[in-house]
């Protein structure tokens, strides 16, 4: 019994020691990349988990390489919030990618161990991942960042009722998909109107650790075009936490009468992706913006009685 306790204590010490080592590598790498303005590139999101994987393969207790890597990455992610002061959005968005990279490395090494295959397989893997980690470090190694999402919905309200709802300050509710609740929601801080030239301000409050360490920032958008059935605006300033991940560009809402009690509403949002790799963050951000467009239609274009 005493020996078992000693082994558990030793394992705990190993977890903490190598967890702190991994955290130190992650934190130092992040600050160096931020200094070079490369902290949003794949160098951080692919090269760092790759490096962590090779730190943990022969350190933490586990029967498989994959187990050691996943344990080590989990410790780093759990400790990154309170120690590195990363927000929970950053951790949640980065975690799947860290696990994917670490899991692939572990699976290849475990396969090589079982089949007694040559090291050439893991060498090819490392080379491919290192090439992938260059994405975002230079325009030549970057994919298209501009994106547009278009969402169309049928609203159970007349055109006049929809227009009235659109022309009042934004007040988004919380009856939205759970995933979207992770992000800070805007509230109307200053609403001057929806005429060409009008500038409106939205306030974002993001609590990095759910209940404390609030980051407060405003987003300002200006109305640039209007018509009988549409309003188009562009963002002129964004100090919100969302700006860490993407740049909002333009937003256009349009509506079309279906019949006296039904209206078709289309919300189009253009934005620029700031994080790499594109295959991961491009998909994630498109999904997020699509949910946001649906939410805008629900609360900013649909009268309360029709929701």
C-alpha atoms as a PDB file:
ATOM      1  CA  UNK A   1       0.000   0.000   0.000  1.00  0.00           C
ATOM      2  CA  UNK A   2       2.828   2.369   0.929  1.00  0.00           C
ATOM      3  CA  UNK A   3       4.642   1.547  -2.293  1.00  0.00           C
ATOM      4  CA  UNK A   4       1.488   2.334  -4.288  1.00  0.00           C
ATOM      5  CA  UNK A   5       1.204   5.742  -2.641  1.00  0.00           C
ATOM      6  CA  UNK A   6       4.856   6.458  -3.401  1.00  0.00           C
ATOM      7  CA  UNK A   7       4.322   5.544  -7.067  1.00  0.00           C
ATOM      8  CA  UNK A   8       1.247   7.783  -7.264  1.00  0.00           C
ATOM      9  CA  UNK A   9       3.166  10.677  -5.719  1.00  0.00           C
ATOM     10  CA  UNK A  10       6.035  10.130  -8.136  1.00  0.00           C
ATOM     11  CA  UNK A  11       3.642  10.040 -11.086  1.00  0.00           C
ATOM     12  CA  UNK A  12       1.957  13.239  -9.895  1.00  0.00           C
ATOM     13  CA  UNK A  13       5.341  14.953  -9.633  1.00  0.00           C
ATOM     14  CA  UNK A  14       6.178  13.806 -13.151  1.00  0.00           C
ATOM     15  CA  UNK A  15       2.899  15.138 -14.490  1.00  0.00           C
ATOM     16  CA  UNK A  16       3.451  18.507 -12.854  1.00  0.00           C
ATOM     17  CA  UNK A  17       7.104  18.765 -13.855  1.00  0.00           C
ATOM     18  CA  UNK A  18       6.576  17.927 -17.496  1.00  0.00           C
ATOM     19  CA  UNK A  19       3.315  19.842 -17.581  1.00  0.00           C
ATOM     20  CA  UNK A  20       5.185  22.943 -16.457  1.00  0.00           C
ATOM     21  CA  UNK A  21       7.891  22.201 -19.022  1.00  0.00           C
ATOM     22  CA  UNK A  22       5.297  21.957 -21.775  1.00  0.00           C
ATOM     23  CA  UNK A  23       3.585  25.080 -20.518  1.00  0.00           C
ATOM     24  CA  UNK A  24       6.889  26.926 -20.521  1.00  0.00           C
ATOM     25  CA  UNK A  25       7.566  25.860 -24.111  1.00  0.00           C
ATOM     26  CA  UNK A  26       4.066  26.917 -25.165  1.00  0.00           C
ATOM     27  CA  UNK A  27       4.205  30.271 -23.367  1.00  0.00           C
ATOM     28  CA  UNK A  28       7.683  31.165 -24.602  1.00  0.00           C
ATOM     29  CA  UNK A  29       6.826  30.159 -28.167  1.00  0.00           C
ATOM     30  CA  UNK A  30       3.598  32.166 -28.091  1.00  0.00           C
ATOM     31  CA  UNK A  31       5.337  35.335 -26.890  1.00  0.00           C
ATOM     32  CA  UNK A  32       8.143  34.953 -29.434  1.00  0.00           C
ATOM     33  CA  UNK A  33       5.637  34.437 -32.242  1.00  0.00           C
ATOM     34  CA  UNK A  34       3.527  37.369 -31.044  1.00  0.00           C
ATOM     35  CA  UNK A  35       6.642  39.547 -31.094  1.00  0.00           C
ATOM     36  CA  UNK A  36       7.085  38.543 -34.756  1.00  0.00           C
ATOM     37  CA  UNK A  37       3.312  38.926 -35.330  1.00  0.00           C
ATOM     38  CA  UNK A  38       3.053  35.230 -36.190  1.00  0.00           C
ATOM     39  CA  UNK A  39       1.014  34.084 -33.177  1.00  0.00           C
ATOM     40  CA  UNK A  40      -2.032  33.472 -35.373  1.00  0.00           C
ATOM     41  CA  UNK A  41      -0.108  31.387 -37.883  1.00  0.00           C
ATOM     42  CA  UNK A  42       0.111  27.604 -38.132  1.00  0.00           C
ATOM     43  CA  UNK A  43       3.551  27.822 -36.534  1.00  0.00           C
ATOM     44  CA  UNK A  44       1.743  28.055 -33.211  1.00  0.00           C
ATOM     45  CA  UNK A  45      -1.219  25.770 -33.890  1.00  0.00           C
ATOM     46  CA  UNK A  46       0.696  22.961 -35.633  1.00  0.00           C
ATOM     47  CA  UNK A  47       4.408  23.294 -34.800  1.00  0.00           C
ATOM     48  CA  UNK A  48       3.847  23.773 -31.049  1.00  0.00           C
ATOM     49  CA  UNK A  49       1.666  20.668 -30.505  1.00  0.00           C
ATOM     50  CA  UNK A  50       4.148  18.771 -32.678  1.00  0.00           C
ATOM     51  CA  UNK A  51       6.982  19.904 -30.408  1.00  0.00           C
ATOM     52  CA  UNK A  52       4.957  19.053 -27.289  1.00  0.00           C
ATOM     53  CA  UNK A  53       4.253  15.591 -28.674  1.00  0.00           C
ATOM     54  CA  UNK A  54       7.964  14.847 -28.914  1.00  0.00           C
ATOM     55  CA  UNK A  55       8.561  16.270 -25.441  1.00  0.00           C
ATOM     56  CA  UNK A  56       6.014  13.888 -23.904  1.00  0.00           C
ATOM     57  CA  UNK A  57       6.617  10.624 -25.826  1.00  0.00           C
ATOM     58  CA  UNK A  58       9.218   9.327 -23.383  1.00  0.00           C
ATOM     59  CA  UNK A  59       8.303  11.174 -20.210  1.00  0.00           C
ATOM     60  CA  UNK A  60       4.797  10.674 -18.800  1.00  0.00           C
ATOM     61  CA  UNK A  61       3.627   7.248 -17.543  1.00  0.00           C
ATOM     62  CA  UNK A  62       1.475   5.415 -20.110  1.00  0.00           C
ATOM     63  CA  UNK A  63       1.498   2.162 -22.066  1.00  0.00           C
ATOM     64  CA  UNK A  64       1.360   3.955 -25.418  1.00  0.00           C
ATOM     65  CA  UNK A  65       3.011   6.969 -27.006  1.00  0.00           C
ATOM     66  CA  UNK A  66      -0.442   8.325 -27.800  1.00  0.00           C
ATOM     67  CA  UNK A  67      -1.447   8.131 -24.145  1.00  0.00           C
ATOM     68  CA  UNK A  68       1.657  10.006 -23.026  1.00  0.00           C
ATOM     69  CA  UNK A  69       1.154  12.739 -25.599  1.00  0.00           C
ATOM     70  CA  UNK A  70      -2.566  13.212 -24.893  1.00  0.00           C
ATOM     71  CA  UNK A  71      -1.921  13.332 -21.136  1.00  0.00           C
ATOM     72  CA  UNK A  72       0.812  15.927 -21.572  1.00  0.00           C
ATOM     73  CA  UNK A  73      -1.217  18.124 -23.935  1.00  0.00           C
ATOM     74  CA  UNK A  74      -4.219  17.929 -21.582  1.00  0.00           C
ATOM     75  CA  UNK A  75      -2.101  19.152 -18.668  1.00  0.00           C
ATOM     76  CA  UNK A  76      -0.743  22.051 -20.742  1.00  0.00           C
ATOM     77  CA  UNK A  77      -4.238  23.087 -21.858  1.00  0.00           C
ATOM     78  CA  UNK A  78      -5.672  22.888 -18.342  1.00  0.00           C
ATOM     79  CA  UNK A  79      -2.836  24.953 -16.885  1.00  0.00           C
ATOM     80  CA  UNK A  80      -2.742  27.522 -19.698  1.00  0.00           C
ATOM     81  CA  UNK A  81      -5.829  29.358 -18.405  1.00  0.00           C
ATOM     82  CA  UNK A  82      -4.704  30.297 -14.887  1.00  0.00           C
ATOM     83  CA  UNK A  83      -0.968  30.525 -15.661  1.00  0.00           C
ATOM     84  CA  UNK A  84      -0.757  31.969 -19.184  1.00  0.00           C
ATOM     85  CA  UNK A  85      -4.033  33.896 -18.715  1.00  0.00           C
ATOM     86  CA  UNK A  86      -5.468  32.566 -21.936  1.00  0.00           C
ATOM     87  CA  UNK A  87      -9.241  32.887 -22.269  1.00  0.00           C
ATOM     88  CA  UNK A  88     -11.469  29.823 -22.427  1.00  0.00           C
ATOM     89  CA  UNK A  89     -12.359  30.604 -26.062  1.00  0.00           C
ATOM     90  CA  UNK A  90      -8.678  30.344 -27.044  1.00  0.00           C
ATOM     91  CA  UNK A  91      -8.299  27.059 -25.202  1.00  0.00           C
ATOM     92  CA  UNK A  92     -11.498  25.528 -26.593  1.00  0.00           C
ATOM     93  CA  UNK A  93     -10.672  26.584 -30.154  1.00  0.00           C
ATOM     94  CA  UNK A  94      -7.068  25.364 -29.973  1.00  0.00           C
ATOM     95  CA  UNK A  95      -7.665  22.122 -28.033  1.00  0.00           C
ATOM     96  CA  UNK A  96      -9.051  19.961 -30.901  1.00  0.00           C
ATOM     97  CA  UNK A  97      -6.160  20.959 -33.172  1.00  0.00           C
ATOM     98  CA  UNK A  98      -3.581  20.222 -30.450  1.00  0.00           C
ATOM     99  CA  UNK A  99      -5.166  16.806 -29.864  1.00  0.00           C
ATOM    100  CA  UNK A 100      -5.325  16.060 -33.605  1.00  0.00           C
ATOM    101  CA  UNK A 101      -1.624  16.793 -34.115  1.00  0.00           C
ATOM    102  CA  UNK A 102      -0.590  14.982 -30.944  1.00  0.00           C
ATOM    103  CA  UNK A 103      -2.858  12.027 -31.703  1.00  0.00           C
ATOM    104  CA  UNK A 104      -1.460  11.615 -35.220  1.00  0.00           C
ATOM    105  CA  UNK A 105       2.126  11.639 -33.944  1.00  0.00           C
ATOM    106  CA  UNK A 106       1.285   9.145 -31.193  1.00  0.00           C
ATOM    107  CA  UNK A 107      -0.610   6.825 -33.543  1.00  0.00           C
ATOM    108  CA  UNK A 108       2.282   6.711 -36.029  1.00  0.00           C
ATOM    109  CA  UNK A 109       4.837   6.021 -33.295  1.00  0.00           C
ATOM    110  CA  UNK A 110       2.647   3.313 -31.741  1.00  0.00           C
ATOM    111  CA  UNK A 111       2.175   1.707 -35.153  1.00  0.00           C
ATOM    112  CA  UNK A 112       5.917   1.804 -35.788  1.00  0.00           C
ATOM    113  CA  UNK A 113       6.549   0.180 -32.411  1.00  0.00           C
ATOM    114  CA  UNK A 114       4.017  -2.621 -32.994  1.00  0.00           C
ATOM    115  CA  UNK A 115       5.098  -3.392 -36.549  1.00  0.00           C
ATOM    116  CA  UNK A 116       8.804  -2.696 -36.008  1.00  0.00           C
ATOM    117  CA  UNK A 117       8.708  -0.455 -39.063  1.00  0.00           C
ATOM    118  CA  UNK A 118      11.470   1.918 -40.011  1.00  0.00           C
ATOM    119  CA  UNK A 119      11.788   5.497 -38.746  1.00  0.00           C
ATOM    120  CA  UNK A 120      11.247   6.818 -42.230  1.00  0.00           C
ATOM    121  CA  UNK A 121       7.484   6.924 -41.652  1.00  0.00           C
ATOM    122  CA  UNK A 122       7.729   9.293 -38.693  1.00  0.00           C
ATOM    123  CA  UNK A 123      10.355  11.375 -40.522  1.00  0.00           C
ATOM    124  CA  UNK A 124       7.979  11.874 -43.437  1.00  0.00           C
ATOM    125  CA  UNK A 125       5.208  12.776 -40.995  1.00  0.00           C
ATOM    126  CA  UNK A 126       7.329  15.380 -39.232  1.00  0.00           C
ATOM    127  CA  UNK A 127       8.382  16.891 -42.576  1.00  0.00           C
ATOM    128  CA  UNK A 128       4.764  17.155 -43.769  1.00  0.00           C
ATOM    129  CA  UNK A 129       3.630  18.769 -40.520  1.00  0.00           C
ATOM    130  CA  UNK A 130       6.514  21.214 -40.529  1.00  0.00           C
ATOM    131  CA  UNK A 131       5.563  22.241 -44.065  1.00  0.00           C
ATOM    132  CA  UNK A 132       1.937  22.665 -42.931  1.00  0.00           C
ATOM    133  CA  UNK A 133       3.096  24.816 -40.000  1.00  0.00           C
ATOM    134  CA  UNK A 134       4.433  27.441 -42.431  1.00  0.00           C
ATOM    135  CA  UNK A 135       0.908  28.489 -43.370  1.00  0.00           C
ATOM    136  CA  UNK A 136       0.300  32.113 -42.458  1.00  0.00           C
ATOM    137  CA  UNK A 137       3.978  33.010 -42.056  1.00  0.00           C
ATOM    138  CA  UNK A 138       4.107  34.659 -45.506  1.00  0.00           C
ATOM    139  CA  UNK A 139       1.547  35.599 -48.181  1.00  0.00           C
ATOM    140  CA  UNK A 140       2.962  32.846 -50.391  1.00  0.00           C
ATOM    141  CA  UNK A 141       2.091  30.304 -47.700  1.00  0.00           C
ATOM    142  CA  UNK A 142      -1.411  31.622 -46.997  1.00  0.00           C
ATOM    143  CA  UNK A 143      -4.839  30.762 -48.345  1.00  0.00           C
ATOM    144  CA  UNK A 144      -7.725  33.126 -49.059  1.00  0.00           C
ATOM    145  CA  UNK A 145      -8.758  34.973 -45.890  1.00  0.00           C
ATOM    146  CA  UNK A 146     -11.807  36.875 -47.146  1.00  0.00           C
ATOM    147  CA  UNK A 147     -15.076  35.040 -46.550  1.00  0.00           C
ATOM    148  CA  UNK A 148     -18.779  35.742 -46.898  1.00  0.00           C
ATOM    149  CA  UNK A 149     -21.630  33.929 -45.205  1.00  0.00           C
ATOM    150  CA  UNK A 150     -25.226  34.238 -46.434  1.00  0.00           C
ATOM    151  CA  UNK A 151     -28.183  33.027 -44.377  1.00  0.00           C
ATOM    152  CA  UNK A 152     -31.771  33.093 -45.622  1.00  0.00           C
ATOM    153  CA  UNK A 153     -34.813  32.531 -43.406  1.00  0.00           C
ATOM    154  CA  UNK A 154     -38.585  32.790 -43.605  1.00  0.00           C
ATOM    155  CA  UNK A 155     -39.974  35.050 -40.865  1.00  0.00           C
ATOM    156  CA  UNK A 156     -43.584  34.802 -39.704  1.00  0.00           C
ATOM    157  CA  UNK A 157     -44.199  38.545 -39.799  1.00  0.00           C
ATOM    158  CA  UNK A 158     -45.136  41.180 -42.344  1.00  0.00           C
ATOM    159  CA  UNK A 159     -42.587  43.330 -44.169  1.00  0.00           C
ATOM    160  CA  UNK A 160     -43.504  46.386 -42.106  1.00  0.00           C
ATOM    161  CA  UNK A 161     -43.076  44.444 -38.856  1.00  0.00           C
ATOM    162  CA  UNK A 162     -39.670  43.176 -39.972  1.00  0.00           C
ATOM    163  CA  UNK A 163     -38.539  46.680 -41.006  1.00  0.00           C
ATOM    164  CA  UNK A 164     -39.626  48.055 -37.628  1.00  0.00           C
ATOM    165  CA  UNK A 165     -37.605  45.389 -35.789  1.00  0.00           C
ATOM    166  CA  UNK A 166     -34.508  46.072 -37.894  1.00  0.00           C
ATOM    167  CA  UNK A 167     -34.686  49.783 -37.149  1.00  0.00           C
ATOM    168  CA  UNK A 168     -34.439  49.483 -33.368  1.00  0.00           C
ATOM    169  CA  UNK A 169     -31.246  48.915 -31.308  1.00  0.00           C
ATOM    170  CA  UNK A 170     -29.778  45.405 -31.377  1.00  0.00           C
ATOM    171  CA  UNK A 171     -30.610  43.331 -28.316  1.00  0.00           C
ATOM    172  CA  UNK A 172     -29.543  39.732 -28.784  1.00  0.00           C
ATOM    173  CA  UNK A 173     -31.103  37.104 -26.560  1.00  0.00           C
ATOM    174  CA  UNK A 174     -29.428  34.051 -25.055  1.00  0.00           C
ATOM    175  CA  UNK A 175     -31.682  31.437 -26.628  1.00  0.00           C
ATOM    176  CA  UNK A 176     -28.970  30.389 -29.063  1.00  0.00           C
ATOM    177  CA  UNK A 177     -26.865  27.257 -29.719  1.00  0.00           C
ATOM    178  CA  UNK A 178     -24.633  26.350 -26.769  1.00  0.00           C
ATOM    179  CA  UNK A 179     -21.485  26.761 -28.863  1.00  0.00           C
ATOM    180  CA  UNK A 180     -22.333  30.383 -29.648  1.00  0.00           C
ATOM    181  CA  UNK A 181     -22.706  31.164 -25.951  1.00  0.00           C
ATOM    182  CA  UNK A 182     -18.937  30.774 -25.590  1.00  0.00           C
ATOM    183  CA  UNK A 183     -18.463  34.064 -27.422  1.00  0.00           C
ATOM    184  CA  UNK A 184     -19.146  37.566 -26.119  1.00  0.00           C
ATOM    185  CA  UNK A 185     -22.529  38.907 -27.199  1.00  0.00           C
ATOM    186  CA  UNK A 186     -22.940  42.551 -28.220  1.00  0.00           C
ATOM    187  CA  UNK A 187     -25.348  44.996 -26.677  1.00  0.00           C
ATOM    188  CA  UNK A 188     -26.311  48.298 -28.251  1.00  0.00           C
ATOM    189  CA  UNK A 189     -24.278  51.094 -26.653  1.00  0.00           C
ATOM    190  CA  UNK A 190     -25.101  53.907 -29.041  1.00  0.00           C
ATOM    191  CA  UNK A 191     -27.724  53.734 -31.792  1.00  0.00           C
ATOM    192  CA  UNK A 192     -28.160  56.755 -34.026  1.00  0.00           C
ATOM    193  CA  UNK A 193     -30.162  55.087 -36.808  1.00  0.00           C
ATOM    194  CA  UNK A 194     -29.969  53.216 -40.096  1.00  0.00           C
ATOM    195  CA  UNK A 195     -29.557  56.125 -42.496  1.00  0.00           C
ATOM    196  CA  UNK A 196     -26.497  56.434 -44.735  1.00  0.00           C
ATOM    197  CA  UNK A 197     -23.634  57.880 -42.687  1.00  0.00           C
ATOM    198  CA  UNK A 198     -25.058  56.906 -39.292  1.00  0.00           C
ATOM    199  CA  UNK A 199     -22.518  55.358 -36.909  1.00  0.00           C
ATOM    200  CA  UNK A 200     -23.703  52.864 -34.303  1.00  0.00           C
ATOM    201  CA  UNK A 201     -21.714  51.306 -31.459  1.00  0.00           C
ATOM    202  CA  UNK A 202     -21.946  47.819 -29.979  1.00  0.00           C
ATOM    203  CA  UNK A 203     -20.375  46.930 -26.640  1.00  0.00           C
ATOM    204  CA  UNK A 204     -18.771  43.516 -26.039  1.00  0.00           C
ATOM    205  CA  UNK A 205     -17.970  42.175 -22.579  1.00  0.00           C
ATOM    206  CA  UNK A 206     -15.955  38.972 -22.535  1.00  0.00           C
ATOM    207  CA  UNK A 207     -15.057  37.250 -19.258  1.00  0.00           C
ATOM    208  CA  UNK A 208     -11.912  35.316 -20.116  1.00  0.00           C
ATOM    209  CA  UNK A 209     -12.374  32.804 -17.314  1.00  0.00           C
ATOM    210  CA  UNK A 210     -16.177  32.607 -17.305  1.00  0.00           C
ATOM    211  CA  UNK A 211     -16.730  34.811 -14.226  1.00  0.00           C
ATOM    212  CA  UNK A 212     -13.791  37.198 -13.987  1.00  0.00           C
ATOM    213  CA  UNK A 213     -11.003  38.982 -15.870  1.00  0.00           C
ATOM    214  CA  UNK A 214     -13.421  40.849 -18.144  1.00  0.00           C
ATOM    215  CA  UNK A 215     -12.231  42.252 -21.462  1.00  0.00           C
ATOM    216  CA  UNK A 216     -14.458  45.130 -22.610  1.00  0.00           C
ATOM    217  CA  UNK A 217     -14.381  46.551 -26.114  1.00  0.00           C
ATOM    218  CA  UNK A 218     -16.570  48.417 -28.601  1.00  0.00           C
ATOM    219  CA  UNK A 219     -17.317  47.774 -32.246  1.00  0.00           C
ATOM    220  CA  UNK A 220     -18.448  50.670 -34.433  1.00  0.00           C
ATOM    221  CA  UNK A 221     -20.218  50.220 -37.749  1.00  0.00           C
ATOM    222  CA  UNK A 222     -21.364  52.799 -40.277  1.00  0.00           C
ATOM    223  CA  UNK A 223     -24.351  52.575 -42.614  1.00  0.00           C
ATOM    224  CA  UNK A 224     -23.015  52.798 -46.174  1.00  0.00           C
ATOM    225  CA  UNK A 225     -26.030  51.888 -48.353  1.00  0.00           C
ATOM    226  CA  UNK A 226     -29.783  51.694 -47.920  1.00  0.00           C
ATOM    227  CA  UNK A 227     -32.759  50.940 -50.138  1.00  0.00           C
ATOM    228  CA  UNK A 228     -36.419  50.060 -49.946  1.00  0.00           C
ATOM    229  CA  UNK A 229     -35.577  46.515 -48.925  1.00  0.00           C
ATOM    230  CA  UNK A 230     -31.995  46.466 -47.591  1.00  0.00           C
ATOM    231  CA  UNK A 231     -29.476  48.073 -45.237  1.00  0.00           C
ATOM    232  CA  UNK A 232     -25.720  47.620 -45.642  1.00  0.00           C
ATOM    233  CA  UNK A 233     -23.054  48.610 -43.126  1.00  0.00           C
ATOM    234  CA  UNK A 234     -19.299  48.289 -42.672  1.00  0.00           C
ATOM    235  CA  UNK A 235     -17.197  48.018 -39.549  1.00  0.00           C
ATOM    236  CA  UNK A 236     -14.992  51.068 -39.013  1.00  0.00           C
ATOM    237  CA  UNK A 237     -13.510  50.166 -35.629  1.00  0.00           C
ATOM    238  CA  UNK A 238     -13.325  46.971 -33.581  1.00  0.00           C
ATOM    239  CA  UNK A 239     -11.780  46.864 -30.118  1.00  0.00           C
ATOM    240  CA  UNK A 240     -13.686  43.752 -29.031  1.00  0.00           C
ATOM    241  CA  UNK A 241     -12.133  40.415 -28.095  1.00  0.00           C
ATOM    242  CA  UNK A 242     -13.620  38.845 -31.227  1.00  0.00           C
ATOM    243  CA  UNK A 243     -11.084  40.868 -33.231  1.00  0.00           C
ATOM    244  CA  UNK A 244      -8.474  38.404 -31.962  1.00  0.00           C
ATOM    245  CA  UNK A 245      -9.855  35.785 -34.348  1.00  0.00           C
ATOM    246  CA  UNK A 246     -11.375  37.624 -37.296  1.00  0.00           C
ATOM    247  CA  UNK A 247     -11.972  41.036 -38.827  1.00  0.00           C
ATOM    248  CA  UNK A 248     -15.606  41.915 -39.458  1.00  0.00           C
ATOM    249  CA  UNK A 249     -15.979  43.717 -42.803  1.00  0.00           C
ATOM    250  CA  UNK A 250     -19.540  44.331 -43.974  1.00  0.00           C
ATOM    251  CA  UNK A 251     -23.038  43.287 -43.024  1.00  0.00           C
ATOM    252  CA  UNK A 252     -26.098  43.450 -45.252  1.00  0.00           C
ATOM    253  CA  UNK A 253     -29.654  42.621 -44.307  1.00  0.00           C
ATOM    254  CA  UNK A 254     -32.376  42.490 -46.947  1.00  0.00           C
ATOM    255  CA  UNK A 255     -36.021  41.472 -46.895  1.00  0.00           C
ATOM    256  CA  UNK A 256     -38.667  40.452 -49.411  1.00  0.00           C
ATOM    257  CA  UNK A 257     -42.408  40.059 -49.031  1.00  0.00           C
ATOM    258  CA  UNK A 258     -43.748  36.526 -49.356  1.00  0.00           C
ATOM    259  CA  UNK A 259     -47.313  37.360 -48.386  1.00  0.00           C
ATOM    260  CA  UNK A 260     -49.070  39.653 -45.894  1.00  0.00           C
ATOM    261  CA  UNK A 261     -47.822  37.701 -42.878  1.00  0.00           C
ATOM    262  CA  UNK A 262     -44.529  36.202 -44.078  1.00  0.00           C
ATOM    263  CA  UNK A 263     -41.227  37.786 -45.092  1.00  0.00           C
ATOM    264  CA  UNK A 264     -37.994  36.357 -46.442  1.00  0.00           C
ATOM    265  CA  UNK A 265     -34.955  37.810 -44.651  1.00  0.00           C
ATOM    266  CA  UNK A 266     -31.379  37.423 -45.905  1.00  0.00           C
ATOM    267  CA  UNK A 267     -28.375  38.339 -43.763  1.00  0.00           C
ATOM    268  CA  UNK A 268     -24.989  38.524 -45.450  1.00  0.00           C
ATOM    269  CA  UNK A 269     -21.785  38.933 -43.419  1.00  0.00           C
ATOM    270  CA  UNK A 270     -18.295  39.430 -44.841  1.00  0.00           C
ATOM    271  CA  UNK A 271     -15.236  38.904 -42.670  1.00  0.00           C
ATOM    272  CA  UNK A 272     -11.534  38.125 -42.808  1.00  0.00           C
ATOM    273  CA  UNK A 273     -10.002  35.080 -41.138  1.00  0.00           C
ATOM    274  CA  UNK A 274      -6.970  35.851 -38.952  1.00  0.00           C
ATOM    275  CA  UNK A 275      -5.957  32.368 -37.768  1.00  0.00           C
ATOM    276  CA  UNK A 276      -4.233  29.488 -39.571  1.00  0.00           C
ATOM    277  CA  UNK A 277      -4.420  26.736 -40.733  1.00  0.00           C
ATOM    278  CA  UNK A 278      -7.310  27.517 -43.055  1.00  0.00           C
ATOM    279  CA  UNK A 279      -8.649  23.950 -43.180  1.00  0.00           C
ATOM    280  CA  UNK A 280      -9.318  24.112 -39.438  1.00  0.00           C
ATOM    281  CA  UNK A 281     -10.023  27.732 -38.511  1.00  0.00           C
ATOM    282  CA  UNK A 282     -11.664  28.530 -41.839  1.00  0.00           C
ATOM    283  CA  UNK A 283     -14.268  25.840 -41.213  1.00  0.00           C
ATOM    284  CA  UNK A 284     -14.683  26.765 -37.537  1.00  0.00           C
ATOM    285  CA  UNK A 285     -15.110  30.488 -38.207  1.00  0.00           C
ATOM    286  CA  UNK A 286     -17.553  29.935 -41.066  1.00  0.00           C
ATOM    287  CA  UNK A 287     -19.671  27.786 -38.766  1.00  0.00           C
ATOM    288  CA  UNK A 288     -19.531  30.440 -36.031  1.00  0.00           C
ATOM    289  CA  UNK A 289     -20.434  33.337 -38.336  1.00  0.00           C
ATOM    290  CA  UNK A 290     -23.301  31.315 -39.828  1.00  0.00           C
ATOM    291  CA  UNK A 291     -24.719  30.803 -36.326  1.00  0.00           C
ATOM    292  CA  UNK A 292     -24.320  34.532 -35.661  1.00  0.00           C
ATOM    293  CA  UNK A 293     -26.172  35.437 -38.879  1.00  0.00           C
ATOM    294  CA  UNK A 294     -29.024  33.152 -37.823  1.00  0.00           C
ATOM    295  CA  UNK A 295     -29.074  34.838 -34.411  1.00  0.00           C
ATOM    296  CA  UNK A 296     -29.160  38.314 -35.976  1.00  0.00           C
ATOM    297  CA  UNK A 297     -32.161  37.330 -38.067  1.00  0.00           C
ATOM    298  CA  UNK A 298     -33.885  35.907 -35.014  1.00  0.00           C
ATOM    299  CA  UNK A 299     -33.396  38.910 -32.732  1.00  0.00           C
ATOM    300  CA  UNK A 300     -32.739  41.860 -35.044  1.00  0.00           C
ATOM    301  CA  UNK A 301     -35.182  41.099 -37.849  1.00  0.00           C
ATOM    302  CA  UNK A 302     -37.887  38.969 -36.242  1.00  0.00           C
ATOM    303  CA  UNK A 303     -40.491  40.613 -33.987  1.00  0.00           C
ATOM    304  CA  UNK A 304     -40.773  39.099 -30.509  1.00  0.00           C
ATOM    305  CA  UNK A 305     -44.189  37.540 -31.209  1.00  0.00           C
ATOM    306  CA  UNK A 306     -42.796  35.629 -34.233  1.00  0.00           C
ATOM    307  CA  UNK A 307     -39.703  34.076 -32.612  1.00  0.00           C
END
